[in-house]
Protein backbone atom coordinates (compact mmCIF):
# COMPACT_ATOMS: atom_id res chain seq x y z
CA MET A 1 107.02 174.44 67.75
CA ILE A 2 103.35 175.68 67.59
CA GLU A 3 100.71 177.57 69.51
CA VAL A 4 97.55 175.83 70.65
CA PHE A 5 94.40 177.21 72.26
CA ILE A 6 92.40 174.30 74.13
CA THR A 7 89.35 174.68 76.07
CA VAL A 8 89.40 172.33 79.41
CA ASN A 9 87.14 171.54 82.07
CA TYR A 10 88.17 172.09 85.75
CA LYS A 11 86.35 172.00 89.06
CA ASP A 12 82.91 171.98 86.79
CA ARG A 13 84.34 175.26 84.78
CA SER A 14 85.83 175.70 81.45
CA TYR A 15 89.04 177.33 81.11
CA GLN A 16 90.61 178.45 77.58
CA THR A 17 94.52 178.33 77.83
CA ASN A 18 97.21 178.14 75.76
CA VAL A 19 100.27 175.54 75.05
CA ILE A 20 103.10 176.01 73.07
CA VAL A 21 104.02 172.13 71.58
CA ASN A 22 106.03 170.34 68.98
CA LYS A 23 103.81 169.94 65.82
CA ASN A 24 104.08 166.10 65.73
CA MET A 25 102.31 166.26 69.64
CA THR A 26 99.40 164.30 69.99
CA LEU A 27 96.11 165.81 70.81
CA GLU A 28 95.94 163.29 73.95
CA ASN A 29 99.33 165.13 75.03
CA ILE A 30 98.24 168.50 74.07
CA ASN A 31 94.86 167.84 76.31
CA ARG A 32 97.39 166.48 79.48
CA LEU A 33 99.62 169.46 79.07
CA ALA A 34 96.69 172.10 79.36
CA GLU A 35 94.92 170.35 82.09
CA GLU A 36 98.57 170.32 84.09
CA GLN A 37 98.57 173.83 83.04
CA VAL A 38 95.06 174.77 84.62
CA LYS A 39 96.05 172.96 87.99
CA LYS A 40 99.05 174.77 88.38
CA GLN A 41 97.27 177.54 87.91
CA TRP A 42 94.23 177.34 90.34
CA ASN A 43 95.80 175.59 92.88
CA LEU A 44 97.98 178.29 94.64
């Protein structure tokens, strides 16, 4: 497992977040996880 820092655009704003993923995970899946994480955080 590794920690990846990624920037996600959500509602016309940029958010930097980190996700913990498997080393063999694709960038597409990492982006999806990061976006889901940001959406959960800001849809309270």
